[in-house]
Amino acid sequence: MSTVTKAPADPGAGSDIQPDGAARSADVASLAQALGYEFSDPSLLHDAVTHPSLMGLERTGRKGHKGPGIAYERLEFLGDRVVGLVVAQWLLERYPNEREGALAKRHAALVRRESLGRVADAIGLGAYLRLSPAEAQSGGRENRTILGDACEAVLGAMYLDGGLEPVTRFVRQALAGEIDKATPPPLDSKTTLQEWAQGRGKPLPRYELIERSGPAHEPLFVVAVHVEGMDPVSGSGSSKRIAEKKAASALLRQVGVQVDD
């Protein structure tokens, strides 16, 4: 990942409570500097770092405010789509001869929560989060889900304020090290297991539904995967597809192959 400007974290972050009920956080003006972008409407960035745990503790009501509310959830919704578009266009340029399936796998790897969490770390986003005291004390500034969601919200705010160009510039800088890795597209566990078996002259893995339980709205499937010469291994999930992937992952771990899912 490319180096992006990281503002120094506020040493008092999370230790004090502001009059509005939020746990103390660093000044968002420094976050704008870390992003390399000057906001015309700083209130958008303010909202992008405001966690939903503050709902009910304060109300903004700022005159002429363009943002969608005090918490980042709506900006996160927008930012997710904007980042997806930026990355999709970038991949088309970077890999002009690659097929849709391979592009889709690269896209999923780049926009997943882990990647955005690393971007959040690079800009020190945790120090700027506006959290309820309880959320701050429970480690909210280091929570990977919160950091990934807030990163999307920040990019959504940047899009609302300045359009696609600044988001594109920032995303390409922040993810350059990942998109340029000379590695093949990531494979899911079922595909990896299939290639592992074929590479050893074995037939394709066979999946068997062992059990289906639970109510219709919340089913649980248990699936076993069979590979010639090996004991079957099972996995469970809320759909057959998920259970199959879990079973494939479990078998791959047994033979020393690591996969993401």
C-alpha atoms as a PDB file:
ATOM      1  CA  MET A   1       0.000   0.000   0.000  1.00  0.00           C
ATOM      2  CA  SER A   2       1.291   3.447  -0.833  1.00  0.00           C
ATOM      3  CA  THR A   3       2.190   5.804   1.933  1.00  0.00           C
ATOM      4  CA  VAL A   4      -0.446   8.400   2.696  1.00  0.00           C
ATOM      5  CA  THR A   5      -0.065  11.312   5.036  1.00  0.00           C
ATOM      6  CA  LYS A   6      -0.875  10.333   8.582  1.00  0.00           C
ATOM      7  CA  ALA A   7      -1.591  13.071  11.076  1.00  0.00           C
ATOM      8  CA  PRO A   8      -0.399  12.469  14.635  1.00  0.00           C
ATOM      9  CA  ALA A   9      -2.991  10.865  16.844  1.00  0.00           C
ATOM     10  CA  ASP A  10      -4.420  12.917  19.661  1.00  0.00           C
ATOM     11  CA  PRO A  11      -2.831  11.528  22.836  1.00  0.00           C
ATOM     12  CA  GLY A  12      -5.972  12.364  24.744  1.00  0.00           C
ATOM     13  CA  ALA A  13      -8.331  10.670  22.327  1.00  0.00           C
ATOM     14  CA  GLY A  14     -10.915   8.616  24.141  1.00  0.00           C
ATOM     15  CA  SER A  15      -9.807   9.845  27.575  1.00  0.00           C
ATOM     16  CA  ASP A  16     -12.105  12.848  27.966  1.00  0.00           C
ATOM     17  CA  ILE A  17     -15.753  13.588  27.302  1.00  0.00           C
ATOM     18  CA  GLN A  18     -16.794  16.615  25.290  1.00  0.00           C
ATOM     19  CA  PRO A  19     -19.758  18.748  26.367  1.00  0.00           C
ATOM     20  CA  ASP A  20     -21.840  17.247  23.539  1.00  0.00           C
ATOM     21  CA  GLY A  21     -21.447  13.757  25.012  1.00  0.00           C
ATOM     22  CA  ALA A  22     -18.854  12.438  22.559  1.00  0.00           C
ATOM     23  CA  ALA A  23     -15.608  10.831  23.605  1.00  0.00           C
ATOM     24  CA  ARG A  24     -12.776  13.237  22.817  1.00  0.00           C
ATOM     25  CA  SER A  25     -11.277  12.904  19.325  1.00  0.00           C
ATOM     26  CA  ALA A  26      -8.673  14.684  17.230  1.00  0.00           C
ATOM     27  CA  ASP A  27      -9.585  17.737  15.145  1.00  0.00           C
ATOM     28  CA  VAL A  28     -11.069  16.743  11.780  1.00  0.00           C
ATOM     29  CA  ALA A  29      -9.095  19.565  10.165  1.00  0.00           C
ATOM     30  CA  SER A  30      -6.010  17.396  10.636  1.00  0.00           C
ATOM     31  CA  LEU A  31      -7.874  14.471   9.060  1.00  0.00           C
ATOM     32  CA  ALA A  32      -8.564  16.597   5.983  1.00  0.00           C
ATOM     33  CA  GLN A  33      -4.830  17.226   5.731  1.00  0.00           C
ATOM     34  CA  ALA A  34      -4.159  13.486   5.970  1.00  0.00           C
ATOM     35  CA  LEU A  35      -6.640  12.964   3.137  1.00  0.00           C
ATOM     36  CA  GLY A  36      -4.941  15.634   1.049  1.00  0.00           C
ATOM     37  CA  TYR A  37      -8.254  17.361   0.446  1.00  0.00           C
ATOM     38  CA  GLU A  38      -9.752  20.649   1.675  1.00  0.00           C
ATOM     39  CA  PHE A  39     -13.488  20.404   2.349  1.00  0.00           C
ATOM     40  CA  SER A  40     -15.770  23.241   1.276  1.00  0.00           C
ATOM     41  CA  ASP A  41     -18.254  21.944   3.851  1.00  0.00           C
ATOM     42  CA  PRO A  42     -16.287  20.550   6.828  1.00  0.00           C
ATOM     43  CA  SER A  43     -19.541  19.438   8.459  1.00  0.00           C
ATOM     44  CA  LEU A  44     -19.631  16.543   6.002  1.00  0.00           C
ATOM     45  CA  LEU A  45     -16.348  15.224   7.365  1.00  0.00           C
ATOM     46  CA  HIS A  46     -17.615  15.840  10.905  1.00  0.00           C
ATOM     47  CA  ASP A  47     -20.595  13.585  10.177  1.00  0.00           C
ATOM     48  CA  ALA A  48     -18.411  10.970   8.485  1.00  0.00           C
ATOM     49  CA  VAL A  49     -16.463  10.341  11.704  1.00  0.00           C
ATOM     50  CA  THR A  50     -19.514  10.393  13.996  1.00  0.00           C
ATOM     51  CA  HIS A  51     -20.408   6.892  15.142  1.00  0.00           C
ATOM     52  CA  PRO A  52     -24.089   5.865  15.466  1.00  0.00           C
ATOM     53  CA  SER A  53     -23.497   5.315  19.195  1.00  0.00           C
ATOM     54  CA  LEU A  54     -23.936   9.091  19.577  1.00  0.00           C
ATOM     55  CA  MET A  55     -27.495   8.975  18.245  1.00  0.00           C
ATOM     56  CA  GLY A  56     -29.754  10.381  20.934  1.00  0.00           C
ATOM     57  CA  LEU A  57     -26.854  12.086  22.713  1.00  0.00           C
ATOM     58  CA  GLU A  58     -26.796  15.104  20.439  1.00  0.00           C
ATOM     59  CA  ARG A  59     -28.504  16.740  17.469  1.00  0.00           C
ATOM     60  CA  THR A  60     -26.762  18.921  14.912  1.00  0.00           C
ATOM     61  CA  GLY A  61     -29.430  20.974  13.198  1.00  0.00           C
ATOM     62  CA  ARG A  62     -26.850  23.145  11.477  1.00  0.00           C
ATOM     63  CA  LYS A  63     -28.319  25.736   9.159  1.00  0.00           C
ATOM     64  CA  GLY A  64     -27.602  24.960   5.522  1.00  0.00           C
ATOM     65  CA  HIS A  65     -26.086  21.586   6.474  1.00  0.00           C
ATOM     66  CA  LYS A  66     -25.747  19.325   3.424  1.00  0.00           C
ATOM     67  CA  GLY A  67     -24.826  16.152   5.246  1.00  0.00           C
ATOM     68  CA  PRO A  68     -27.227  13.276   5.807  1.00  0.00           C
ATOM     69  CA  GLY A  69     -27.300  13.391   9.607  1.00  0.00           C
ATOM     70  CA  ILE A  70     -25.085  13.177  12.652  1.00  0.00           C
ATOM     71  CA  ALA A  71     -23.983   9.551  12.169  1.00  0.00           C
ATOM     72  CA  TYR A  72     -21.938   8.090   9.373  1.00  0.00           C
ATOM     73  CA  GLU A  73     -24.261   5.286   8.260  1.00  0.00           C
ATOM     74  CA  ARG A  74     -25.782   7.060   5.242  1.00  0.00           C
ATOM     75  CA  LEU A  75     -22.396   8.398   4.138  1.00  0.00           C
ATOM     76  CA  GLU A  76     -21.021   4.881   4.520  1.00  0.00           C
ATOM     77  CA  PHE A  77     -23.761   3.627   2.175  1.00  0.00           C
ATOM     78  CA  LEU A  78     -22.728   6.197  -0.421  1.00  0.00           C
ATOM     79  CA  GLY A  79     -18.996   5.718   0.087  1.00  0.00           C
ATOM     80  CA  ASP A  80     -19.266   1.974  -0.450  1.00  0.00           C
ATOM     81  CA  ARG A  81     -20.747   2.553  -3.929  1.00  0.00           C
ATOM     82  CA  VAL A  82     -18.295   5.316  -4.806  1.00  0.00           C
ATOM     83  CA  VAL A  83     -15.256   3.251  -3.837  1.00  0.00           C
ATOM     84  CA  GLY A  84     -16.665   0.331  -5.798  1.00  0.00           C
ATOM     85  CA  LEU A  85     -16.990   2.487  -8.911  1.00  0.00           C
ATOM     86  CA  VAL A  86     -13.512   3.994  -8.556  1.00  0.00           C
ATOM     87  CA  VAL A  87     -11.893   0.586  -8.126  1.00  0.00           C
ATOM     88  CA  ALA A  88     -13.885  -0.965 -10.992  1.00  0.00           C
ATOM     89  CA  GLN A  89     -12.796   1.741 -13.427  1.00  0.00           C
ATOM     90  CA  TRP A  90      -9.195   1.464 -12.226  1.00  0.00           C
ATOM     91  CA  LEU A  91      -9.167  -2.310 -12.758  1.00  0.00           C
ATOM     92  CA  LEU A  92     -10.461  -1.927 -16.313  1.00  0.00           C
ATOM     93  CA  GLU A  93      -7.548   0.388 -17.043  1.00  0.00           C
ATOM     94  CA  ARG A  94      -4.959  -1.686 -15.190  1.00  0.00           C
ATOM     95  CA  TYR A  95      -5.947  -5.070 -16.659  1.00  0.00           C
ATOM     96  CA  PRO A  96      -7.340  -4.376 -20.164  1.00  0.00           C
ATOM     97  CA  ASN A  97      -7.166  -8.024 -21.249  1.00  0.00           C
ATOM     98  CA  GLU A  98      -8.577  -9.679 -18.130  1.00  0.00           C
ATOM     99  CA  ARG A  99     -12.006 -11.328 -18.149  1.00  0.00           C
ATOM    100  CA  GLU A 100     -14.937 -10.239 -15.992  1.00  0.00           C
ATOM    101  CA  GLY A 101     -14.609 -13.099 -13.508  1.00  0.00           C
ATOM    102  CA  ALA A 102     -10.991 -12.315 -12.703  1.00  0.00           C
ATOM    103  CA  LEU A 103     -11.740  -8.597 -12.461  1.00  0.00           C
ATOM    104  CA  ALA A 104     -14.597  -9.311 -10.056  1.00  0.00           C
ATOM    105  CA  LYS A 105     -12.265 -11.275  -7.765  1.00  0.00           C
ATOM    106  CA  ARG A 106      -9.687  -8.488  -7.765  1.00  0.00           C
ATOM    107  CA  HIS A 107     -12.439  -5.953  -7.078  1.00  0.00           C
ATOM    108  CA  ALA A 108     -13.786  -7.918  -4.117  1.00  0.00           C
ATOM    109  CA  ALA A 109     -10.306  -8.149  -2.592  1.00  0.00           C
ATOM    110  CA  LEU A 110      -9.641  -4.414  -2.931  1.00  0.00           C
ATOM    111  CA  VAL A 111     -12.949  -3.114  -1.538  1.00  0.00           C
ATOM    112  CA  ARG A 112     -13.397  -5.565   1.308  1.00  0.00           C
ATOM    113  CA  ARG A 113     -13.387  -4.360   4.906  1.00  0.00           C
ATOM    114  CA  GLU A 114      -9.824  -5.535   5.583  1.00  0.00           C
ATOM    115  CA  SER A 115      -8.407  -3.382   2.777  1.00  0.00           C
ATOM    116  CA  LEU A 116     -10.360  -0.316   3.859  1.00  0.00           C
ATOM    117  CA  GLY A 117      -9.332  -0.932   7.446  1.00  0.00           C
ATOM    118  CA  ARG A 118      -5.686  -0.735   6.377  1.00  0.00           C
ATOM    119  CA  VAL A 119      -6.417   2.549   4.603  1.00  0.00           C
ATOM    120  CA  ALA A 120      -8.040   3.797   7.817  1.00  0.00           C
ATOM    121  CA  ASP A 121      -4.918   2.813   9.753  1.00  0.00           C
ATOM    122  CA  ALA A 122      -2.679   4.634   7.276  1.00  0.00           C
ATOM    123  CA  ILE A 123      -4.464   7.944   7.855  1.00  0.00           C
ATOM    124  CA  GLY A 124      -4.888   7.399  11.601  1.00  0.00           C
ATOM    125  CA  LEU A 125      -8.686   7.482  11.290  1.00  0.00           C
ATOM    126  CA  GLY A 126      -9.315   5.940  14.696  1.00  0.00           C
ATOM    127  CA  ALA A 127      -8.109   9.081  16.481  1.00  0.00           C
ATOM    128  CA  TYR A 128     -10.755  11.183  14.723  1.00  0.00           C
ATOM    129  CA  LEU A 129     -13.792   9.012  15.432  1.00  0.00           C
ATOM    130  CA  ARG A 130     -16.524  10.668  17.474  1.00  0.00           C
ATOM    131  CA  LEU A 131     -17.790   7.915  19.763  1.00  0.00           C
ATOM    132  CA  SER A 132     -20.040   7.572  22.739  1.00  0.00           C
ATOM    133  CA  PRO A 133     -18.066   7.155  25.973  1.00  0.00           C
ATOM    134  CA  ALA A 134     -19.107   3.498  26.189  1.00  0.00           C
ATOM    135  CA  GLU A 135     -18.019   2.767  22.609  1.00  0.00           C
ATOM    136  CA  ALA A 136     -14.678   4.495  23.144  1.00  0.00           C
ATOM    137  CA  GLN A 137     -13.999   2.589  26.351  1.00  0.00           C
ATOM    138  CA  SER A 138     -14.804  -0.732  24.652  1.00  0.00           C
ATOM    139  CA  GLY A 139     -12.091  -0.169  22.026  1.00  0.00           C
ATOM    140  CA  GLY A 140     -14.126   1.443  19.266  1.00  0.00           C
ATOM    141  CA  ARG A 141     -11.148   3.320  17.867  1.00  0.00           C
ATOM    142  CA  GLU A 142      -9.406   0.019  17.069  1.00  0.00           C
ATOM    143  CA  ASN A 143     -12.520  -1.908  15.974  1.00  0.00           C
ATOM    144  CA  ARG A 144     -11.910  -3.193  12.437  1.00  0.00           C
ATOM    145  CA  THR A 145     -15.578  -3.028  11.437  1.00  0.00           C
ATOM    146  CA  ILE A 146     -15.970   0.545  12.672  1.00  0.00           C
ATOM    147  CA  LEU A 147     -12.762   1.656  10.947  1.00  0.00           C
ATOM    148  CA  GLY A 148     -13.771   0.104   7.624  1.00  0.00           C
ATOM    149  CA  ASP A 149     -17.263   1.607   7.779  1.00  0.00           C
ATOM    150  CA  ALA A 150     -15.955   5.034   8.780  1.00  0.00           C
ATOM    151  CA  CYS A 151     -13.416   4.951   5.964  1.00  0.00           C
ATOM    152  CA  GLU A 152     -16.243   4.431   3.473  1.00  0.00           C
ATOM    153  CA  ALA A 153     -18.162   7.272   5.127  1.00  0.00           C
ATOM    154  CA  VAL A 154     -15.184   9.637   4.831  1.00  0.00           C
ATOM    155  CA  LEU A 155     -14.871   8.864   1.121  1.00  0.00           C
ATOM    156  CA  GLY A 156     -18.616   9.348   0.712  1.00  0.00           C
ATOM    157  CA  ALA A 157     -18.271  12.763   2.338  1.00  0.00           C
ATOM    158  CA  MET A 158     -15.375  13.618   0.029  1.00  0.00           C
ATOM    159  CA  TYR A 159     -17.511  12.651  -2.983  1.00  0.00           C
ATOM    160  CA  LEU A 160     -20.428  14.827  -1.860  1.00  0.00           C
ATOM    161  CA  ASP A 161     -18.102  17.749  -1.281  1.00  0.00           C
ATOM    162  CA  GLY A 162     -15.844  17.540  -4.328  1.00  0.00           C
ATOM    163  CA  GLY A 163     -17.107  14.885  -6.715  1.00  0.00           C
ATOM    164  CA  LEU A 164     -15.352  11.798  -8.024  1.00  0.00           C
ATOM    165  CA  GLU A 165     -11.942  13.290  -8.802  1.00  0.00           C
ATOM    166  CA  PRO A 166     -10.578  13.693  -5.237  1.00  0.00           C
ATOM    167  CA  VAL A 167     -11.909  10.266  -4.229  1.00  0.00           C
ATOM    168  CA  THR A 168     -10.272   8.680  -7.263  1.00  0.00           C
ATOM    169  CA  ARG A 169      -6.975  10.379  -6.503  1.00  0.00           C
ATOM    170  CA  PHE A 170      -6.978   9.294  -2.868  1.00  0.00           C
ATOM    171  CA  VAL A 171      -8.107   5.704  -3.483  1.00  0.00           C
ATOM    172  CA  ARG A 172      -5.522   5.164  -6.216  1.00  0.00           C
ATOM    173  CA  GLN A 173      -2.782   6.465  -3.959  1.00  0.00           C
ATOM    174  CA  ALA A 174      -3.911   4.484  -0.920  1.00  0.00           C
ATOM    175  CA  LEU A 175      -4.390   1.169  -2.737  1.00  0.00           C
ATOM    176  CA  ALA A 176      -1.612   1.417  -5.321  1.00  0.00           C
ATOM    177  CA  GLY A 177       0.559  -1.094  -3.497  1.00  0.00           C
ATOM    178  CA  GLU A 178      -2.230  -3.658  -3.464  1.00  0.00           C
ATOM    179  CA  ILE A 179      -3.487  -3.326  -7.022  1.00  0.00           C
ATOM    180  CA  ASP A 180       0.037  -3.535  -8.435  1.00  0.00           C
ATOM    181  CA  LYS A 181       1.033  -6.744  -6.655  1.00  0.00           C
ATOM    182  CA  ALA A 182       2.229  -9.264  -9.208  1.00  0.00           C
ATOM    183  CA  THR A 183      -0.123 -11.979  -7.995  1.00  0.00           C
ATOM    184  CA  PRO A 184      -2.997 -13.789  -9.698  1.00  0.00           C
ATOM    185  CA  PRO A 185      -6.557 -12.870  -8.733  1.00  0.00           C
ATOM    186  CA  PRO A 186      -7.554 -14.283  -5.326  1.00  0.00           C
ATOM    187  CA  LEU A 187      -9.491 -17.565  -5.492  1.00  0.00           C
ATOM    188  CA  ASP A 188     -12.320 -18.686  -3.234  1.00  0.00           C
ATOM    189  CA  SER A 189     -11.939 -21.867  -1.198  1.00  0.00           C
ATOM    190  CA  LYS A 190     -13.973 -24.107  -3.542  1.00  0.00           C
ATOM    191  CA  THR A 191     -11.927 -23.075  -6.575  1.00  0.00           C
ATOM    192  CA  THR A 192      -8.686 -23.459  -4.633  1.00  0.00           C
ATOM    193  CA  LEU A 193      -9.678 -26.952  -3.476  1.00  0.00           C
ATOM    194  CA  GLN A 194     -10.643 -27.932  -7.010  1.00  0.00           C
ATOM    195  CA  GLU A 195      -7.255 -26.815  -8.349  1.00  0.00           C
ATOM    196  CA  TRP A 196      -5.451 -28.539  -5.461  1.00  0.00           C
ATOM    197  CA  ALA A 197      -7.213 -31.835  -6.202  1.00  0.00           C
ATOM    198  CA  GLN A 198      -6.676 -31.617  -9.963  1.00  0.00           C
ATOM    199  CA  GLY A 199      -3.008 -30.830  -9.443  1.00  0.00           C
ATOM    200  CA  ARG A 200      -2.655 -34.181  -7.691  1.00  0.00           C
ATOM    201  CA  GLY A 201      -4.547 -36.158 -10.307  1.00  0.00           C
ATOM    202  CA  LYS A 202      -7.657 -36.544  -8.176  1.00  0.00           C
ATOM    203  CA  PRO A 203     -11.285 -36.269  -9.363  1.00  0.00           C
ATOM    204  CA  LEU A 204     -13.186 -33.052  -8.636  1.00  0.00           C
ATOM    205  CA  PRO A 205     -14.309 -32.607  -5.034  1.00  0.00           C
ATOM    206  CA  ARG A 206     -17.856 -33.789  -4.326  1.00  0.00           C
ATOM    207  CA  TYR A 207     -20.193 -31.940  -1.945  1.00  0.00           C
ATOM    208  CA  GLU A 208     -22.899 -33.746   0.028  1.00  0.00           C
ATOM    209  CA  LEU A 209     -25.715 -32.104   2.006  1.00  0.00           C
ATOM    210  CA  ILE A 210     -25.660 -33.769   5.426  1.00  0.00           C
ATOM    211  CA  GLU A 211     -28.282 -31.813   7.307  1.00  0.00           C
ATOM    212  CA  ARG A 212     -30.673 -28.912   7.025  1.00  0.00           C
ATOM    213  CA  SER A 213     -32.160 -27.521  10.220  1.00  0.00           C
ATOM    214  CA  GLY A 214     -33.647 -24.377  11.682  1.00  0.00           C
ATOM    215  CA  PRO A 215     -36.686 -22.303  10.675  1.00  0.00           C
ATOM    216  CA  ALA A 216     -37.269 -21.222   7.080  1.00  0.00           C
ATOM    217  CA  HIS A 217     -36.137 -17.656   7.798  1.00  0.00           C
ATOM    218  CA  GLU A 218     -32.922 -18.791   9.521  1.00  0.00           C
ATOM    219  CA  PRO A 219     -31.827 -22.165   8.118  1.00  0.00           C
ATOM    220  CA  LEU A 220     -28.590 -23.970   8.909  1.00  0.00           C
ATOM    221  CA  PHE A 221     -26.975 -26.238   6.337  1.00  0.00           C
ATOM    222  CA  VAL A 222     -24.264 -28.804   7.026  1.00  0.00           C
ATOM    223  CA  VAL A 223     -22.290 -29.992   3.988  1.00  0.00           C
ATOM    224  CA  ALA A 224     -19.476 -32.524   3.710  1.00  0.00           C
ATOM    225  CA  VAL A 225     -16.808 -32.339   1.011  1.00  0.00           C
ATOM    226  CA  HIS A 226     -15.322 -35.552  -0.333  1.00  0.00           C
ATOM    227  CA  VAL A 227     -11.902 -35.729  -1.983  1.00  0.00           C
ATOM    228  CA  GLU A 228     -10.525 -39.042  -3.163  1.00  0.00           C
ATOM    229  CA  GLY A 229      -8.159 -40.619  -0.666  1.00  0.00           C
ATOM    230  CA  MET A 230      -9.161 -38.308   2.209  1.00  0.00           C
ATOM    231  CA  ASP A 231     -11.709 -38.416   5.003  1.00  0.00           C
ATOM    232  CA  PRO A 232     -14.710 -36.130   4.362  1.00  0.00           C
ATOM    233  CA  VAL A 233     -14.722 -32.758   6.095  1.00  0.00           C
ATOM    234  CA  SER A 234     -17.871 -30.808   6.948  1.00  0.00           C
ATOM    235  CA  GLY A 235     -18.801 -27.148   7.176  1.00  0.00           C
ATOM    236  CA  SER A 236     -21.957 -25.259   8.128  1.00  0.00           C
ATOM    237  CA  GLY A 237     -23.619 -22.020   7.088  1.00  0.00           C
ATOM    238  CA  SER A 238     -26.856 -20.206   6.405  1.00  0.00           C
ATOM    239  CA  SER A 239     -26.894 -21.459   2.789  1.00  0.00           C
ATOM    240  CA  LYS A 240     -25.574 -24.510   0.948  1.00  0.00           C
ATOM    241  CA  ARG A 241     -23.035 -22.333  -0.860  1.00  0.00           C
ATOM    242  CA  ILE A 242     -21.628 -20.937   2.392  1.00  0.00           C
ATOM    243  CA  ALA A 243     -21.520 -24.389   3.968  1.00  0.00           C
ATOM    244  CA  GLU A 244     -19.671 -25.773   0.929  1.00  0.00           C
ATOM    245  CA  LYS A 245     -17.073 -22.987   1.126  1.00  0.00           C
ATOM    246  CA  LYS A 246     -16.613 -23.590   4.858  1.00  0.00           C
ATOM    247  CA  ALA A 247     -16.107 -27.300   4.243  1.00  0.00           C
ATOM    248  CA  ALA A 248     -13.597 -26.593   1.465  1.00  0.00           C
ATOM    249  CA  SER A 249     -11.713 -24.148   3.692  1.00  0.00           C
ATOM    250  CA  ALA A 250     -11.569 -26.682   6.525  1.00  0.00           C
ATOM    251  CA  LEU A 251     -10.143 -29.382   4.245  1.00  0.00           C
ATOM    252  CA  LEU A 252      -7.602 -26.981   2.758  1.00  0.00           C
ATOM    253  CA  ARG A 253      -6.405 -26.056   6.235  1.00  0.00           C
ATOM    254  CA  GLN A 254      -5.873 -29.737   6.952  1.00  0.00           C
ATOM    255  CA  VAL A 255      -3.480 -29.997   4.001  1.00  0.00           C
ATOM    256  CA  GLY A 256      -1.716 -26.734   4.867  1.00  0.00           C
ATOM    257  CA  VAL A 257      -3.316 -24.410   2.310  1.00  0.00           C
ATOM    258  CA  GLN A 258      -4.508 -21.041   3.660  1.00  0.00           C
ATOM    259  CA  VAL A 259      -7.474 -19.229   2.099  1.00  0.00           C
ATOM    260  CA  ASP A 260      -9.374 -16.063   3.017  1.00  0.00           C
ATOM    261  CA  ASP A 261     -12.863 -17.581   3.285  1.00  0.00           C
END
